[in-house]
N, C-alpha and C. Protein backbone atom coordinates (compact mmCIF):
# COMPACT_ATOMS: atom_id res chain seq x y z
N UNK A 1 11.31 -11.20 -0.07
CA UNK A 1 11.66 -10.24 0.96
C UNK A 1 11.13 -10.77 2.30
N UNK A 2 11.88 -10.56 3.34
CA UNK A 2 11.49 -10.98 4.69
C UNK A 2 10.26 -10.19 5.14
N UNK A 3 9.39 -10.84 5.90
CA UNK A 3 8.13 -10.21 6.31
C UNK A 3 8.33 -8.94 7.14
N UNK A 4 9.39 -8.86 7.94
CA UNK A 4 9.63 -7.66 8.75
C UNK A 4 10.07 -6.50 7.85
N UNK A 5 10.96 -6.81 6.93
CA UNK A 5 11.43 -5.79 5.98
C UNK A 5 10.26 -5.29 5.12
N UNK A 6 9.40 -6.20 4.69
CA UNK A 6 8.23 -5.83 3.90
C UNK A 6 7.29 -4.94 4.72
N UNK A 7 7.16 -5.25 6.00
CA UNK A 7 6.30 -4.46 6.88
C UNK A 7 6.86 -3.04 7.01
N UNK A 8 8.16 -2.92 7.27
CA UNK A 8 8.79 -1.60 7.40
C UNK A 8 8.65 -0.80 6.11
N UNK A 9 8.90 -1.45 5.00
CA UNK A 9 8.81 -0.78 3.70
C UNK A 9 7.38 -0.32 3.42
N UNK A 10 6.41 -1.13 3.80
CA UNK A 10 5.00 -0.78 3.59
C UNK A 10 4.63 0.46 4.40
N UNK A 11 5.01 0.48 5.67
CA UNK A 11 4.68 1.64 6.50
C UNK A 11 5.33 2.90 5.95
N UNK A 12 6.57 2.79 5.48
CA UNK A 12 7.26 3.94 4.90
C UNK A 12 6.56 4.41 3.63
N UNK A 13 6.29 3.49 2.74
CA UNK A 13 5.71 3.84 1.44
C UNK A 13 4.36 4.53 1.59
N UNK A 14 3.55 4.06 2.53
CA UNK A 14 2.22 4.60 2.69
C UNK A 14 2.13 5.66 3.79
N UNK A 15 3.27 5.99 4.40
CA UNK A 15 3.30 7.03 5.42
C UNK A 15 2.44 6.71 6.62
N UNK A 16 2.44 5.46 7.03
CA UNK A 16 1.60 5.02 8.15
C UNK A 16 2.41 5.10 9.43
N UNK A 17 2.03 6.02 10.34
CA UNK A 17 2.75 6.12 11.61
C UNK A 17 2.40 4.96 12.54
N UNK A 18 3.37 4.51 13.31
CA UNK A 18 3.14 3.41 14.25
C UNK A 18 2.02 3.74 15.23
N UNK A 19 1.95 5.00 15.63
CA UNK A 19 0.91 5.41 16.59
C UNK A 19 -0.49 5.17 16.01
N UNK A 20 -0.67 5.55 14.77
CA UNK A 20 -1.95 5.36 14.09
C UNK A 20 -2.27 3.88 13.94
N UNK A 21 -1.27 3.10 13.55
CA UNK A 21 -1.46 1.66 13.38
C UNK A 21 -1.77 0.99 14.72
N UNK A 22 -1.13 1.47 15.78
CA UNK A 22 -1.39 0.93 17.12
C UNK A 22 -2.85 1.16 17.51
N UNK A 23 -3.36 2.34 17.23
CA UNK A 23 -4.76 2.65 17.56
C UNK A 23 -5.74 1.78 16.77
N UNK A 24 -5.46 1.60 15.48
CA UNK A 24 -6.40 0.85 14.65
C UNK A 24 -6.28 -0.66 14.81
N UNK A 25 -5.12 -1.14 15.26
CA UNK A 25 -4.91 -2.59 15.37
C UNK A 25 -5.09 -3.14 16.78
N UNK A 26 -4.97 -2.26 17.77
CA UNK A 26 -5.03 -2.72 19.15
C UNK A 26 -3.70 -3.26 19.66
N UNK A 27 -2.65 -3.12 18.84
CA UNK A 27 -1.31 -3.57 19.23
C UNK A 27 -0.58 -2.35 19.81
N UNK A 28 0.12 -2.56 20.90
CA UNK A 28 0.82 -1.45 21.54
C UNK A 28 1.91 -0.89 20.62
N UNK A 29 2.06 0.42 20.65
CA UNK A 29 3.04 1.08 19.81
C UNK A 29 4.46 0.57 20.09
N UNK A 30 4.76 0.28 21.35
CA UNK A 30 6.11 -0.22 21.68
C UNK A 30 6.35 -1.60 21.05
N UNK A 31 5.29 -2.43 20.93
CA UNK A 31 5.44 -3.74 20.28
C UNK A 31 5.76 -3.55 18.79
N UNK A 32 5.08 -2.58 18.18
CA UNK A 32 5.32 -2.30 16.76
C UNK A 32 6.76 -1.85 16.57
N UNK A 33 7.21 -0.95 17.42
CA UNK A 33 8.57 -0.44 17.35
C UNK A 33 9.60 -1.57 17.54
N UNK A 34 9.38 -2.41 18.51
CA UNK A 34 10.29 -3.53 18.77
C UNK A 34 10.32 -4.50 17.59
N UNK A 35 9.15 -4.76 17.00
CA UNK A 35 9.08 -5.63 15.84
C UNK A 35 9.87 -5.04 14.67
N UNK A 36 9.71 -3.75 14.45
CA UNK A 36 10.40 -3.09 13.35
C UNK A 36 11.91 -3.12 13.53
N UNK A 37 12.34 -3.21 14.79
CA UNK A 37 13.78 -3.23 15.10
C UNK A 37 14.34 -4.65 15.19
N UNK A 38 13.49 -5.68 15.03
CA UNK A 38 14.02 -7.04 14.99
C UNK A 38 13.42 -8.04 15.95
N UNK A 39 12.62 -7.61 16.91
CA UNK A 39 12.02 -8.56 17.85
C UNK A 39 10.82 -9.23 17.18
N UNK A 40 10.70 -10.54 17.41
CA UNK A 40 9.59 -11.28 16.82
C UNK A 40 8.27 -10.96 17.50
N UNK A 41 7.20 -11.19 16.76
CA UNK A 41 5.84 -11.02 17.27
C UNK A 41 5.12 -12.36 17.23
N UNK A 42 4.11 -12.47 18.03
CA UNK A 42 3.21 -13.62 17.91
C UNK A 42 2.49 -13.48 16.56
N UNK A 43 2.19 -14.58 15.93
CA UNK A 43 1.51 -14.54 14.63
C UNK A 43 0.21 -13.75 14.71
N UNK A 44 -0.54 -13.96 15.77
CA UNK A 44 -1.82 -13.26 15.95
C UNK A 44 -1.63 -11.74 15.97
N UNK A 45 -0.54 -11.29 16.58
CA UNK A 45 -0.26 -9.85 16.65
C UNK A 45 0.08 -9.32 15.26
N UNK A 46 0.90 -10.05 14.52
CA UNK A 46 1.24 -9.64 13.16
C UNK A 46 -0.02 -9.59 12.29
N UNK A 47 -0.89 -10.58 12.44
CA UNK A 47 -2.13 -10.60 11.66
C UNK A 47 -3.01 -9.40 12.00
N UNK A 48 -3.02 -8.99 13.26
CA UNK A 48 -3.78 -7.80 13.66
C UNK A 48 -3.22 -6.54 13.00
N UNK A 49 -1.90 -6.45 12.93
CA UNK A 49 -1.27 -5.30 12.28
C UNK A 49 -1.61 -5.25 10.80
N UNK A 50 -1.48 -6.39 10.16
CA UNK A 50 -1.76 -6.45 8.72
C UNK A 50 -3.23 -6.14 8.45
N UNK A 51 -4.12 -6.67 9.27
CA UNK A 51 -5.55 -6.43 9.08
C UNK A 51 -5.89 -4.95 9.21
N UNK A 52 -5.12 -4.21 10.00
CA UNK A 52 -5.40 -2.79 10.23
C UNK A 52 -4.86 -1.90 9.10
N UNK A 53 -4.08 -2.47 8.19
CA UNK A 53 -3.54 -1.69 7.08
C UNK A 53 -4.63 -1.37 6.07
N UNK A 54 -4.53 -0.23 5.38
CA UNK A 54 -5.45 0.04 4.28
C UNK A 54 -5.28 -1.03 3.19
N UNK A 55 -6.30 -1.25 2.41
CA UNK A 55 -6.28 -2.30 1.38
C UNK A 55 -5.06 -2.21 0.47
N UNK A 56 -4.76 -1.00 -0.01
CA UNK A 56 -3.63 -0.84 -0.92
C UNK A 56 -2.31 -1.23 -0.24
N UNK A 57 -2.20 -0.91 1.05
CA UNK A 57 -0.99 -1.24 1.80
C UNK A 57 -0.88 -2.76 2.00
N UNK A 58 -2.01 -3.41 2.23
CA UNK A 58 -2.00 -4.88 2.36
C UNK A 58 -1.51 -5.52 1.06
N UNK A 59 -2.03 -5.05 -0.05
CA UNK A 59 -1.64 -5.59 -1.35
C UNK A 59 -0.14 -5.39 -1.56
N UNK A 60 0.33 -4.20 -1.23
CA UNK A 60 1.75 -3.91 -1.37
C UNK A 60 2.58 -4.81 -0.47
N UNK A 61 2.16 -4.98 0.78
CA UNK A 61 2.89 -5.81 1.74
C UNK A 61 3.04 -7.24 1.21
N UNK A 62 1.93 -7.83 0.79
CA UNK A 62 1.99 -9.21 0.31
C UNK A 62 2.74 -9.32 -1.02
N UNK A 63 2.70 -8.26 -1.83
CA UNK A 63 3.49 -8.25 -3.06
C UNK A 63 4.97 -8.27 -2.74
N UNK A 64 5.37 -7.53 -1.71
CA UNK A 64 6.79 -7.51 -1.30
C UNK A 64 7.22 -8.91 -0.85
N UNK A 65 6.40 -9.56 -0.08
CA UNK A 65 6.73 -10.89 0.42
C UNK A 65 6.76 -11.90 -0.73
N UNK A 66 5.80 -11.77 -1.61
CA UNK A 66 5.66 -12.69 -2.73
C UNK A 66 6.74 -12.47 -3.79
N UNK A 67 7.28 -11.26 -3.83
CA UNK A 67 8.31 -10.96 -4.80
C UNK A 67 7.79 -10.58 -6.17
N UNK A 68 6.50 -10.41 -6.28
CA UNK A 68 5.91 -9.98 -7.55
C UNK A 68 4.62 -9.24 -7.27
N UNK A 69 4.16 -8.52 -8.25
CA UNK A 69 2.95 -7.72 -8.07
C UNK A 69 1.72 -8.61 -7.92
N UNK A 70 0.94 -8.30 -6.92
CA UNK A 70 -0.31 -9.04 -6.72
C UNK A 70 -1.48 -8.30 -7.36
N UNK A 71 -1.20 -7.16 -7.98
CA UNK A 71 -2.28 -6.39 -8.58
C UNK A 71 -3.00 -7.16 -9.68
N UNK A 72 -2.28 -8.07 -10.33
CA UNK A 72 -2.91 -8.88 -11.37
C UNK A 72 -4.00 -9.77 -10.79
N UNK A 73 -3.85 -10.15 -9.53
CA UNK A 73 -4.81 -11.04 -8.89
C UNK A 73 -5.95 -10.29 -8.21
N UNK A 74 -5.89 -8.96 -8.20
CA UNK A 74 -6.89 -8.18 -7.50
C UNK A 74 -8.09 -7.93 -8.40
N UNK A 75 -9.26 -8.13 -7.88
CA UNK A 75 -10.49 -7.80 -8.59
C UNK A 75 -10.73 -6.30 -8.39
N UNK A 76 -10.42 -5.52 -9.42
CA UNK A 76 -10.52 -4.07 -9.29
C UNK A 76 -11.94 -3.61 -8.98
N UNK A 77 -12.92 -4.29 -9.53
CA UNK A 77 -14.32 -3.92 -9.27
C UNK A 77 -14.62 -4.02 -7.77
N UNK A 78 -14.20 -5.10 -7.14
CA UNK A 78 -14.43 -5.28 -5.70
C UNK A 78 -13.63 -4.28 -4.89
N UNK A 79 -12.40 -4.06 -5.31
CA UNK A 79 -11.55 -3.11 -4.61
C UNK A 79 -12.16 -1.71 -4.62
N UNK A 80 -12.61 -1.28 -5.79
CA UNK A 80 -13.20 0.05 -5.92
C UNK A 80 -14.51 0.14 -5.15
N UNK A 81 -15.33 -0.88 -5.22
CA UNK A 81 -16.61 -0.82 -4.51
C UNK A 81 -16.43 -0.80 -2.99
N UNK A 82 -15.28 -1.28 -2.51
CA UNK A 82 -15.05 -1.28 -1.06
C UNK A 82 -14.47 0.05 -0.57
N UNK A 83 -14.09 0.93 -1.49
CA UNK A 83 -13.48 2.21 -1.11
C UNK A 83 -14.53 3.23 -0.69
N UNK A 84 -14.11 4.14 0.17
CA UNK A 84 -14.96 5.26 0.54
C UNK A 84 -15.03 6.24 -0.63
N UNK A 85 -15.98 7.14 -0.61
CA UNK A 85 -16.12 8.14 -1.67
C UNK A 85 -14.85 8.99 -1.74
N UNK A 86 -14.29 9.35 -0.60
CA UNK A 86 -13.06 10.15 -0.58
C UNK A 86 -11.90 9.40 -1.24
N UNK A 87 -11.80 8.12 -0.97
CA UNK A 87 -10.72 7.31 -1.54
C UNK A 87 -10.90 7.17 -3.05
N UNK A 88 -12.15 6.97 -3.50
CA UNK A 88 -12.42 6.89 -4.94
C UNK A 88 -12.05 8.20 -5.63
N UNK A 89 -12.36 9.32 -4.98
CA UNK A 89 -12.01 10.62 -5.52
C UNK A 89 -10.50 10.77 -5.64
N UNK A 90 -9.79 10.30 -4.63
CA UNK A 90 -8.33 10.35 -4.65
C UNK A 90 -7.77 9.51 -5.80
N UNK A 91 -8.34 8.33 -6.02
CA UNK A 91 -7.88 7.46 -7.10
C UNK A 91 -8.13 8.12 -8.45
N UNK A 92 -9.29 8.71 -8.63
CA UNK A 92 -9.59 9.39 -9.90
C UNK A 92 -8.63 10.56 -10.14
N UNK A 93 -8.32 11.30 -9.09
CA UNK A 93 -7.38 12.40 -9.21
C UNK A 93 -5.99 11.90 -9.59
N UNK A 94 -5.56 10.80 -8.98
CA UNK A 94 -4.26 10.22 -9.32
C UNK A 94 -4.22 9.77 -10.78
N UNK A 95 -5.30 9.16 -11.24
CA UNK A 95 -5.36 8.70 -12.63
C UNK A 95 -5.31 9.90 -13.58
N UNK A 96 -6.10 10.92 -13.27
CA UNK A 96 -6.12 12.12 -14.11
C UNK A 96 -4.74 12.78 -14.15
N UNK A 97 -4.09 12.91 -13.01
CA UNK A 97 -2.76 13.52 -12.97
C UNK A 97 -1.76 12.70 -13.76
N UNK A 98 -1.86 11.39 -13.68
CA UNK A 98 -0.97 10.52 -14.43
C UNK A 98 -1.16 10.70 -15.93
N UNK A 99 -2.41 10.81 -16.35
CA UNK A 99 -2.69 11.01 -17.77
C UNK A 99 -2.15 12.35 -18.25
N UNK A 100 -2.30 13.38 -17.45
CA UNK A 100 -1.79 14.71 -17.81
C UNK A 100 -0.27 14.68 -17.88
N UNK A 101 0.38 14.04 -16.92
CA UNK A 101 1.84 13.94 -16.93
C UNK A 101 2.33 13.22 -18.17
N UNK A 102 1.65 12.15 -18.54
CA UNK A 102 2.06 11.39 -19.73
C UNK A 102 1.92 12.21 -21.00
N UNK A 103 0.92 13.08 -21.06
CA UNK A 103 0.72 13.89 -22.26
C UNK A 103 1.74 15.01 -22.37
N UNK A 104 2.31 15.42 -21.23
CA UNK A 104 3.26 16.53 -21.27
C UNK A 104 4.71 16.07 -21.43
N UNK A 105 4.97 14.78 -21.37
CA UNK A 105 6.33 14.26 -21.55
C UNK A 105 6.67 14.27 -23.03
N UNK A 106 7.88 14.73 -23.37
CA UNK A 106 8.27 14.81 -24.80
C UNK A 106 8.18 13.47 -25.53
N UNK A 107 8.60 12.37 -24.87
CA UNK A 107 8.58 11.08 -25.54
C UNK A 107 7.17 10.61 -25.85
N UNK A 108 6.21 10.96 -24.97
CA UNK A 108 4.84 10.54 -25.25
C UNK A 108 4.22 11.38 -26.36
N UNK A 109 4.67 12.64 -26.47
CA UNK A 109 4.17 13.48 -27.54
C UNK A 109 4.61 12.95 -28.90
N UNK A 110 5.86 12.49 -28.98
CA UNK A 110 6.32 11.93 -30.25
C UNK A 110 5.64 10.61 -30.55
N UNK A 111 5.33 9.83 -29.52
CA UNK A 111 4.60 8.58 -29.73
C UNK A 111 3.20 8.87 -30.23
N UNK A 112 2.57 9.90 -29.69
CA UNK A 112 1.21 10.24 -30.10
C UNK A 112 1.20 10.65 -31.58
N UNK A 113 2.23 11.37 -32.02
CA UNK A 113 2.30 11.78 -33.41
C UNK A 113 2.51 10.58 -34.33
N UNK A 114 3.26 9.60 -33.87
CA UNK A 114 3.54 8.41 -34.66
C UNK A 114 2.33 7.56 -34.88
N UNK A 115 1.36 7.64 -33.96
CA UNK A 115 0.16 6.80 -34.04
C UNK A 115 -0.82 7.44 -34.93
């Protein structure tokens, strides 16, 4: 996937507004908008934008460019230790919700009985 398309997809997926990214990266919001619409950026500016993304968004961005999941290459222990307490809580909630959803699906119930 092209780096601009991956960037747009990443911002959409993670709900990152250009205004917020502009504040955290130091890149003007109009530059971000122009880049998203097709204008090229200096490499340094793109690197600033990527550096300002949350860790999960960075992983997703590079996975899009690479064409495959980079999660296999991520050291989960380091990733988790770098998260804030709020972010860790969010991750635990997501995991718990996923487990509950899997238990309530009919196909998983039949699989559980088979085991």
